[in-house]
Amino acid sequence: MDSPPVWLWYRVYAVFMGLFHAGVALAIAALLVATAGQGIKGEDLVVAIVGGLFFLGALPFLAAPFLPRVSWAWHYHLVLIALGLMNLGCMPMSIPLLIFWLKPEAKQFFAKLD
């Protein structure tokens, strides 16, 4: 079966979100390195934890395009699309993606027949 058009757009979305999260984590790391000579403060620990969480948040998105085409992967991708709905800036990508992701063509592509 040929892949539905939503699969291409989903992969673009997943890579974008993964690179965005990784970029934020790298920016936070650069900020911490730049201010390292000023002594360690309590805020630095909070910022480091947030940076680590952004880095961990990048991993599911970057792994998504390489998952097999099975039923559980369709659900995994659905959760990642739903995560984008929690960010106002990502909603213009996530809402159309969600609409097309729920169509039968995407479900059949992942062998998830209702």
N, C-alpha and C. Protein backbone atom coordinates (compact mmCIF):
# COMPACT_ATOMS: atom_id res chain seq x y z
N MET A 1 0.84 -1.19 0.00
CA MET A 1 0.00 0.00 0.00
C MET A 1 0.88 1.24 0.00
N ASP A 2 0.51 2.19 -0.84
CA ASP A 2 1.22 3.47 -0.87
C ASP A 2 0.93 4.23 0.41
N SER A 3 1.90 5.01 0.82
CA SER A 3 1.70 5.77 2.05
C SER A 3 0.77 6.95 1.79
N PRO A 4 -0.10 7.24 2.75
CA PRO A 4 -1.00 8.40 2.59
C PRO A 4 -0.21 9.69 2.74
N PRO A 5 -0.69 10.78 2.15
CA PRO A 5 0.03 12.06 2.23
C PRO A 5 0.28 12.52 3.67
N VAL A 6 -0.60 12.15 4.60
CA VAL A 6 -0.42 12.58 5.98
C VAL A 6 0.86 12.01 6.58
N TRP A 7 1.33 10.87 6.08
CA TRP A 7 2.55 10.26 6.62
C TRP A 7 3.76 11.16 6.35
N LEU A 8 3.85 11.73 5.16
CA LEU A 8 4.95 12.66 4.86
C LEU A 8 4.88 13.87 5.79
N TRP A 9 3.69 14.45 5.94
CA TRP A 9 3.56 15.64 6.78
C TRP A 9 3.79 15.32 8.24
N TYR A 10 3.40 14.12 8.66
CA TYR A 10 3.67 13.74 10.04
C TYR A 10 5.17 13.64 10.29
N ARG A 11 5.90 13.04 9.34
CA ARG A 11 7.36 12.93 9.53
C ARG A 11 8.01 14.31 9.58
N VAL A 12 7.56 15.25 8.77
CA VAL A 12 8.07 16.63 8.82
C VAL A 12 7.78 17.22 10.19
N TYR A 13 6.57 17.02 10.68
CA TYR A 13 6.17 17.51 12.00
C TYR A 13 7.05 16.91 13.09
N ALA A 14 7.24 15.60 13.05
CA ALA A 14 8.01 14.92 14.10
C ALA A 14 9.47 15.40 14.11
N VAL A 15 10.07 15.52 12.94
CA VAL A 15 11.46 15.99 12.87
C VAL A 15 11.55 17.44 13.34
N PHE A 16 10.60 18.27 12.92
CA PHE A 16 10.60 19.66 13.36
C PHE A 16 10.49 19.75 14.87
N MET A 17 9.54 19.02 15.45
CA MET A 17 9.35 19.07 16.90
C MET A 17 10.57 18.52 17.64
N GLY A 18 11.16 17.46 17.11
CA GLY A 18 12.35 16.91 17.74
C GLY A 18 13.52 17.88 17.70
N LEU A 19 13.73 18.50 16.56
CA LEU A 19 14.82 19.47 16.44
C LEU A 19 14.55 20.72 17.26
N PHE A 20 13.29 21.11 17.36
CA PHE A 20 12.94 22.26 18.19
C PHE A 20 13.28 21.98 19.66
N HIS A 21 12.84 20.83 20.16
CA HIS A 21 13.13 20.48 21.55
C HIS A 21 14.63 20.35 21.79
N ALA A 22 15.33 19.73 20.87
CA ALA A 22 16.78 19.60 21.02
C ALA A 22 17.46 20.96 20.96
N GLY A 23 16.98 21.85 20.11
CA GLY A 23 17.54 23.19 20.02
C GLY A 23 17.35 23.99 21.29
N VAL A 24 16.16 23.87 21.88
CA VAL A 24 15.93 24.56 23.15
C VAL A 24 16.86 23.99 24.23
N ALA A 25 17.03 22.68 24.25
CA ALA A 25 17.93 22.07 25.23
C ALA A 25 19.36 22.54 25.03
N LEU A 26 19.80 22.65 23.78
CA LEU A 26 21.16 23.13 23.51
C LEU A 26 21.31 24.60 23.88
N ALA A 27 20.27 25.41 23.64
CA ALA A 27 20.33 26.82 24.02
C ALA A 27 20.41 26.96 25.54
N ILE A 28 19.67 26.14 26.25
CA ILE A 28 19.75 26.17 27.71
C ILE A 28 21.12 25.74 28.19
N ALA A 29 21.69 24.70 27.56
CA ALA A 29 23.03 24.27 27.94
C ALA A 29 24.05 25.37 27.67
N ALA A 30 23.92 26.05 26.53
CA ALA A 30 24.84 27.15 26.22
C ALA A 30 24.70 28.28 27.23
N LEU A 31 23.48 28.56 27.65
CA LEU A 31 23.25 29.58 28.66
C LEU A 31 23.91 29.21 29.99
N LEU A 32 23.80 27.96 30.37
CA LEU A 32 24.42 27.51 31.61
C LEU A 32 25.94 27.56 31.53
N VAL A 33 26.49 27.20 30.39
CA VAL A 33 27.94 27.26 30.22
C VAL A 33 28.42 28.70 30.24
N ALA A 34 27.66 29.59 29.61
CA ALA A 34 28.06 31.00 29.55
C ALA A 34 28.03 31.66 30.92
N THR A 35 27.15 31.19 31.79
CA THR A 35 27.05 31.80 33.12
C THR A 35 27.73 30.96 34.20
N ALA A 36 28.51 29.96 33.81
CA ALA A 36 29.12 29.05 34.78
C ALA A 36 30.14 29.75 35.67
N GLY A 37 30.81 30.77 35.19
CA GLY A 37 31.83 31.45 35.97
C GLY A 37 31.27 32.33 37.07
N GLN A 38 29.98 32.51 37.11
CA GLN A 38 29.36 33.40 38.09
C GLN A 38 28.91 32.66 39.35
N GLY A 39 29.25 31.40 39.46
CA GLY A 39 28.83 30.63 40.62
C GLY A 39 27.50 29.94 40.37
N ILE A 40 27.30 28.86 41.06
CA ILE A 40 26.08 28.08 40.88
C ILE A 40 25.00 28.59 41.83
N LYS A 41 23.85 28.89 41.25
CA LYS A 41 22.72 29.37 42.04
C LYS A 41 21.60 28.33 41.96
N GLY A 42 20.60 28.49 42.79
CA GLY A 42 19.46 27.58 42.78
C GLY A 42 18.72 27.58 41.46
N GLU A 43 18.67 28.75 40.83
CA GLU A 43 17.97 28.83 39.54
C GLU A 43 18.68 28.00 38.47
N ASP A 44 20.00 27.88 38.59
CA ASP A 44 20.75 27.10 37.61
C ASP A 44 20.31 25.64 37.60
N LEU A 45 20.02 25.12 38.77
CA LEU A 45 19.56 23.73 38.86
C LEU A 45 18.20 23.58 38.19
N VAL A 46 17.32 24.52 38.40
CA VAL A 46 15.99 24.47 37.77
C VAL A 46 16.14 24.56 36.25
N VAL A 47 16.97 25.47 35.79
CA VAL A 47 17.19 25.64 34.35
C VAL A 47 17.80 24.37 33.76
N ALA A 48 18.73 23.75 34.47
CA ALA A 48 19.34 22.52 33.98
C ALA A 48 18.31 21.40 33.89
N ILE A 49 17.42 21.31 34.86
CA ILE A 49 16.37 20.29 34.81
C ILE A 49 15.44 20.52 33.65
N VAL A 50 15.05 21.78 33.42
CA VAL A 50 14.19 22.09 32.28
C VAL A 50 14.89 21.74 30.96
N GLY A 51 16.16 22.05 30.86
CA GLY A 51 16.92 21.70 29.66
C GLY A 51 16.97 20.20 29.45
N GLY A 52 17.17 19.45 30.53
CA GLY A 52 17.16 18.00 30.42
C GLY A 52 15.82 17.46 29.99
N LEU A 53 14.75 18.05 30.47
CA LEU A 53 13.42 17.62 30.07
C LEU A 53 13.15 17.93 28.60
N PHE A 54 13.63 19.07 28.13
CA PHE A 54 13.49 19.37 26.71
C PHE A 54 14.27 18.38 25.87
N PHE A 55 15.47 18.00 26.33
CA PHE A 55 16.26 17.01 25.59
C PHE A 55 15.53 15.67 25.56
N LEU A 56 15.01 15.25 26.70
CA LEU A 56 14.25 13.99 26.74
C LEU A 56 12.99 14.07 25.89
N GLY A 57 12.39 15.25 25.82
CA GLY A 57 11.21 15.44 24.98
C GLY A 57 11.50 15.34 23.50
N ALA A 58 12.74 15.58 23.11
CA ALA A 58 13.11 15.49 21.70
C ALA A 58 13.19 14.04 21.24
N LEU A 59 13.55 13.14 22.12
CA LEU A 59 13.81 11.75 21.73
C LEU A 59 12.59 11.04 21.13
N PRO A 60 11.40 11.13 21.74
CA PRO A 60 10.25 10.44 21.12
C PRO A 60 9.92 10.97 19.73
N PHE A 61 10.07 12.27 19.54
CA PHE A 61 9.78 12.85 18.22
C PHE A 61 10.80 12.41 17.18
N LEU A 62 12.07 12.38 17.57
CA LEU A 62 13.11 12.00 16.61
C LEU A 62 13.08 10.51 16.29
N ALA A 63 12.57 9.70 17.20
CA ALA A 63 12.46 8.26 16.97
C ALA A 63 11.23 7.91 16.13
N ALA A 64 10.23 8.77 16.13
CA ALA A 64 8.94 8.47 15.51
C ALA A 64 9.01 8.05 14.04
N PRO A 65 9.76 8.72 13.18
CA PRO A 65 9.75 8.31 11.76
C PRO A 65 10.34 6.92 11.51
N PHE A 66 11.04 6.36 12.49
CA PHE A 66 11.71 5.08 12.29
C PHE A 66 10.95 3.90 12.90
N LEU A 67 9.79 4.15 13.47
CA LEU A 67 9.02 3.08 14.08
C LEU A 67 8.36 2.23 13.00
N PRO A 68 8.09 0.95 13.30
CA PRO A 68 7.44 0.09 12.30
C PRO A 68 5.99 0.49 12.08
N ARG A 69 5.44 0.02 10.98
CA ARG A 69 4.04 0.31 10.65
C ARG A 69 3.15 -0.76 11.28
N VAL A 70 2.88 -0.60 12.55
CA VAL A 70 2.02 -1.53 13.28
C VAL A 70 1.00 -0.71 14.07
N SER A 71 0.01 -1.40 14.61
CA SER A 71 -1.09 -0.71 15.27
C SER A 71 -0.64 0.17 16.43
N TRP A 72 0.26 -0.34 17.28
CA TRP A 72 0.68 0.46 18.44
C TRP A 72 1.42 1.72 18.00
N ALA A 73 2.11 1.68 16.87
CA ALA A 73 2.83 2.86 16.40
C ALA A 73 1.86 3.95 15.97
N TRP A 74 0.71 3.56 15.42
CA TRP A 74 -0.30 4.55 15.05
C TRP A 74 -0.72 5.32 16.30
N HIS A 75 -0.91 4.62 17.40
CA HIS A 75 -1.28 5.26 18.67
C HIS A 75 -0.15 6.14 19.20
N TYR A 76 1.07 5.66 19.08
CA TYR A 76 2.25 6.43 19.51
C TYR A 76 2.29 7.77 18.78
N HIS A 77 2.11 7.72 17.46
CA HIS A 77 2.13 8.94 16.65
C HIS A 77 0.95 9.85 17.02
N LEU A 78 -0.19 9.26 17.31
CA LEU A 78 -1.36 10.04 17.71
C LEU A 78 -1.08 10.81 19.00
N VAL A 79 -0.40 10.18 19.94
CA VAL A 79 -0.05 10.86 21.19
C VAL A 79 0.91 12.02 20.91
N LEU A 80 1.87 11.83 20.02
CA LEU A 80 2.80 12.93 19.70
C LEU A 80 2.08 14.09 19.02
N ILE A 81 1.10 13.79 18.18
CA ILE A 81 0.31 14.86 17.58
C ILE A 81 -0.48 15.59 18.67
N ALA A 82 -1.06 14.84 19.61
CA ALA A 82 -1.82 15.44 20.69
C ALA A 82 -0.93 16.31 21.57
N LEU A 83 0.32 15.93 21.76
CA LEU A 83 1.24 16.77 22.53
C LEU A 83 1.44 18.13 21.87
N GLY A 84 1.43 18.16 20.55
CA GLY A 84 1.54 19.42 19.84
C GLY A 84 0.34 20.32 20.05
N LEU A 85 -0.81 19.73 20.38
CA LEU A 85 -2.01 20.53 20.63
C LEU A 85 -1.93 21.33 21.92
N MET A 86 -1.00 20.98 22.78
CA MET A 86 -0.87 21.71 24.05
C MET A 86 -0.07 22.99 23.91
N ASN A 87 0.51 23.22 22.75
CA ASN A 87 1.30 24.41 22.52
C ASN A 87 0.59 25.27 21.48
N LEU A 88 0.28 26.49 21.83
CA LEU A 88 -0.46 27.37 20.93
C LEU A 88 0.26 27.56 19.60
N GLY A 89 1.57 27.63 19.63
CA GLY A 89 2.34 27.81 18.40
C GLY A 89 2.34 26.60 17.49
N CYS A 90 2.11 25.42 18.05
CA CYS A 90 2.10 24.19 17.26
C CYS A 90 0.71 23.78 16.79
N MET A 91 -0.31 24.44 17.31
CA MET A 91 -1.68 24.09 16.93
C MET A 91 -1.95 24.20 15.43
N PRO A 92 -1.42 25.22 14.74
CA PRO A 92 -1.68 25.28 13.29
C PRO A 92 -1.14 24.07 12.53
N MET A 93 -0.12 23.40 13.07
CA MET A 93 0.37 22.17 12.45
C MET A 93 -0.40 20.96 12.95
N SER A 94 -0.67 20.94 14.24
CA SER A 94 -1.23 19.75 14.89
C SER A 94 -2.69 19.50 14.54
N ILE A 95 -3.49 20.54 14.44
CA ILE A 95 -4.93 20.34 14.20
C ILE A 95 -5.18 19.71 12.83
N PRO A 96 -4.64 20.25 11.72
CA PRO A 96 -4.87 19.57 10.44
C PRO A 96 -4.25 18.17 10.41
N LEU A 97 -3.10 18.04 11.04
CA LEU A 97 -2.46 16.73 11.08
C LEU A 97 -3.33 15.72 11.80
N LEU A 98 -3.93 16.13 12.90
CA LEU A 98 -4.83 15.24 13.65
C LEU A 98 -6.05 14.86 12.83
N ILE A 99 -6.61 15.81 12.13
CA ILE A 99 -7.80 15.54 11.31
C ILE A 99 -7.48 14.47 10.27
N PHE A 100 -6.37 14.62 9.58
CA PHE A 100 -6.01 13.66 8.54
C PHE A 100 -5.48 12.36 9.12
N TRP A 101 -4.91 12.42 10.32
CA TRP A 101 -4.37 11.20 10.95
C TRP A 101 -5.50 10.25 11.33
N LEU A 102 -6.67 10.78 11.65
CA LEU A 102 -7.80 9.95 12.08
C LEU A 102 -8.59 9.36 10.91
N LYS A 103 -8.23 9.68 9.69
CA LYS A 103 -8.93 9.15 8.53
C LYS A 103 -8.55 7.68 8.30
N PRO A 104 -9.41 6.94 7.62
CA PRO A 104 -9.16 5.50 7.43
C PRO A 104 -7.86 5.17 6.68
N GLU A 105 -7.43 6.06 5.79
CA GLU A 105 -6.21 5.77 5.02
C GLU A 105 -4.99 5.63 5.93
N ALA A 106 -4.89 6.52 6.92
CA ALA A 106 -3.75 6.45 7.84
C ALA A 106 -3.85 5.21 8.72
N LYS A 107 -5.06 4.88 9.15
CA LYS A 107 -5.24 3.68 9.97
C LYS A 107 -4.89 2.43 9.19
N GLN A 108 -5.31 2.35 7.94
CA GLN A 108 -4.99 1.18 7.11
C GLN A 108 -3.50 1.08 6.86
N PHE A 109 -2.84 2.22 6.70
CA PHE A 109 -1.39 2.23 6.48
C PHE A 109 -0.66 1.59 7.66
N PHE A 110 -1.21 1.73 8.85
CA PHE A 110 -0.62 1.15 10.04
C PHE A 110 -1.31 -0.15 10.44
N ALA A 111 -2.08 -0.73 9.55
CA ALA A 111 -2.78 -2.00 9.80
C ALA A 111 -3.65 -1.91 11.04
N LYS A 112 -4.23 -0.74 11.27
CA LYS A 112 -5.14 -0.56 12.40
C LYS A 112 -6.54 -0.43 11.82
N LEU A 113 -7.19 -1.52 11.64
CA LEU A 113 -8.54 -1.51 11.08
C LEU A 113 -9.55 -1.58 12.21
N ASP A 114 -10.49 -0.66 12.23
CA ASP A 114 -11.51 -0.65 13.29
C ASP A 114 -12.61 -1.64 12.98
